[in-house]
Each structure stands twice: as structure tokens, then as C-alpha cells.
Amino acid sequence: MNKDIFYVYMLTNPQRKMLYTGVTNNLALRIIQHWKSRGVSHTFTGRYFCYNLIYFEEYKYINNAIAREKEIKGWRREKKEELINSKNPSWEILNEKVCGSWPPPKYQIPPSLR
């Protein structure tokens, strides 16, 4: 992953009932962090087990990525689903493609993802 790229991403839980939108400059590491926090009740992604990547966009500038994240967060679920379906109609889980393997090692994060 190129750390000079910023990502707006959407996650869902195993039942595909919840959607979470976020922004990061290290998509693989962020997905692993969400996965490791599953079941942690004080975070949205932890409480609802949102760690399955189903959509992402790349941006050169952080301000553009943040603006897009805010835009998507303001949408109704139906519009978010339309966006996901436009690039990933089967809602394929993209974690392995982005991280290289899935699930991640229990206590190890590769140096290249830090």
C-alpha cells in the first residue's frame, strides 16, 4: 500500500446489516485494527463486528478523502448500497486482496503494514 494515498472505505459485519465508512492512509492496517477490535463495545465497528471491507476509493489529498467520507456518511443506506453495488455488486469481501492474507496473524502486524 502506498502511504501517499488516502482511502475512503466501507465495512460491513458478517450479516451485512451494518455499514461503516472511514478514512485512512493505510487501508490494510486499518482493516486489521477493526478486526482486532471486534467485540469491543465502546467503538462502533467493535460493537457491530464491522471488519469486512466491501468498498474503497483512493485519493491523493487527505482533504478530498475527508470531504468524501463526510459526504458518504450523510447518505441514506440505500444510496450507500448503490455505491457499493456500482463497483462490487456481489459484496465480495476484499480483506484478503488488500491485506495479502485473511484473517491476519493473531498478534503480528507485518512491518510493511505499519
Protein backbone atom coordinates (compact mmCIF):
# COMPACT_ATOMS: atom_id res chain seq x y z
CA MET A 1 0.00 0.00 0.00
CA ASN A 2 1.22 3.46 -0.87
CA LYS A 3 1.19 5.70 2.22
CA ASP A 4 0.87 8.77 -0.02
CA ILE A 5 -2.62 7.62 -0.94
CA PHE A 6 -5.68 8.15 1.25
CA TYR A 7 -8.59 5.75 1.27
CA VAL A 8 -12.27 6.19 1.94
CA TYR A 9 -13.63 2.76 2.74
CA MET A 10 -16.79 0.94 3.75
CA LEU A 11 -17.01 -2.06 6.00
CA THR A 12 -19.87 -4.35 6.88
CA ASN A 13 -20.42 -7.02 9.51
CA PRO A 14 -20.73 -10.77 8.74
CA GLN A 15 -24.53 -10.47 8.48
CA ARG A 16 -24.19 -7.46 6.12
CA LYS A 17 -26.66 -5.47 8.24
CA MET A 18 -24.34 -2.65 9.32
CA LEU A 19 -22.24 -0.27 7.24
CA TYR A 20 -19.30 1.79 8.45
CA THR A 21 -17.47 4.47 6.47
CA GLY A 22 -13.97 5.60 7.35
CA VAL A 23 -10.82 7.25 6.01
CA THR A 24 -7.18 6.18 6.39
CA ASN A 25 -3.76 6.33 4.74
CA ASN A 26 -3.06 2.65 5.48
CA LEU A 27 -6.04 0.56 4.45
CA ALA A 28 -4.60 -2.86 5.27
CA LEU A 29 -3.53 -1.84 8.77
CA ARG A 30 -6.86 -0.14 9.45
CA ILE A 31 -8.84 -3.23 8.44
CA ILE A 32 -6.67 -5.34 10.77
CA GLN A 33 -7.27 -2.84 13.58
CA HIS A 34 -11.04 -3.08 13.04
CA TRP A 35 -10.82 -6.88 13.04
CA LYS A 36 -8.78 -6.94 16.25
CA SER A 37 -11.30 -4.66 17.99
CA ARG A 38 -14.31 -6.86 17.20
CA GLY A 39 -16.48 -7.25 20.27
CA VAL A 40 -15.15 -4.07 21.89
CA SER A 41 -18.35 -2.29 22.87
CA HIS A 42 -17.07 1.30 23.04
CA THR A 43 -16.40 1.51 19.28
CA PHE A 44 -18.99 1.26 16.51
CA THR A 45 -17.02 -1.24 14.46
CA GLY A 46 -16.19 -3.31 17.52
CA ARG A 47 -19.73 -3.36 18.86
CA TYR A 48 -21.20 -4.38 15.48
CA PHE A 49 -18.28 -6.55 14.26
CA CYS A 50 -17.70 -4.39 11.18
CA TYR A 51 -14.42 -5.55 9.70
CA ASN A 52 -15.31 -6.84 6.22
CA LEU A 53 -14.09 -4.44 3.53
CA ILE A 54 -16.58 -4.17 0.68
CA TYR A 55 -15.70 -0.83 -0.93
CA PHE A 56 -12.90 1.72 -1.13
CA GLU A 57 -11.80 4.74 -3.10
CA GLU A 58 -8.31 6.27 -3.39
CA TYR A 59 -7.42 9.95 -3.04
CA LYS A 60 -4.17 11.87 -3.41
CA TYR A 61 -5.13 14.55 -0.89
CA ILE A 62 -6.44 13.98 2.63
CA ASN A 63 -8.84 16.92 2.47
CA ASN A 64 -10.59 15.35 -0.54
CA ALA A 65 -10.79 11.99 1.23
CA ILE A 66 -12.25 13.55 4.37
CA ALA A 67 -14.81 15.50 2.35
CA ARG A 68 -15.86 12.32 0.55
CA GLU A 69 -16.10 10.38 3.82
CA LYS A 70 -18.39 13.06 5.26
CA GLU A 71 -20.48 13.06 2.09
CA ILE A 72 -20.99 9.28 2.19
CA LYS A 73 -21.71 9.29 5.93
CA GLY A 74 -24.54 11.73 5.26
CA TRP A 75 -26.25 9.39 2.81
CA ARG A 76 -29.12 7.04 3.50
CA ARG A 77 -28.30 3.33 3.43
CA GLU A 78 -29.93 2.86 0.02
CA LYS A 79 -27.55 5.33 -1.60
CA LYS A 80 -24.55 3.70 0.08
CA GLU A 81 -25.70 0.32 -1.23
CA GLU A 82 -25.94 1.78 -4.75
CA LEU A 83 -22.33 2.99 -4.47
CA ILE A 84 -21.12 -0.40 -3.24
CA ASN A 85 -23.09 -2.20 -5.97
CA SER A 86 -21.57 0.03 -8.66
CA LYS A 87 -18.10 -1.44 -8.03
CA ASN A 88 -18.75 -4.60 -6.02
CA PRO A 89 -22.23 -5.94 -6.87
CA SER A 90 -21.68 -9.28 -5.12
CA TRP A 91 -20.37 -7.55 -1.97
CA GLU A 92 -17.21 -9.63 -2.18
CA ILE A 93 -15.12 -9.31 0.98
CA LEU A 94 -11.91 -7.55 -0.12
CA ASN A 95 -9.85 -8.09 3.05
CA GLU A 96 -7.57 -10.77 1.62
CA LYS A 97 -6.93 -8.79 -1.58
CA VAL A 98 -5.91 -5.72 0.41
CA CYS A 99 -4.11 -7.40 3.33
CA GLY A 100 -2.49 -10.31 1.49
CA SER A 101 -3.99 -12.95 3.76
CA TRP A 102 -7.05 -13.23 5.95
CA PRO A 103 -7.59 -13.48 8.85
CA PRO A 104 -4.43 -11.69 9.99
CA PRO A 105 -1.93 -13.37 12.29
CA LYS A 106 -3.16 -13.22 15.87
CA TYR A 107 -0.55 -10.87 17.34
CA GLN A 108 1.65 -9.91 14.43
CA ILE A 109 1.30 -6.99 12.05
CA PRO A 110 3.86 -7.14 9.24
CA PRO A 111 6.30 -4.19 9.23
CA SER A 112 5.17 -3.28 5.71
CA LEU A 113 1.67 -2.53 7.07
CA ARG A 114 2.74 -0.32 9.99
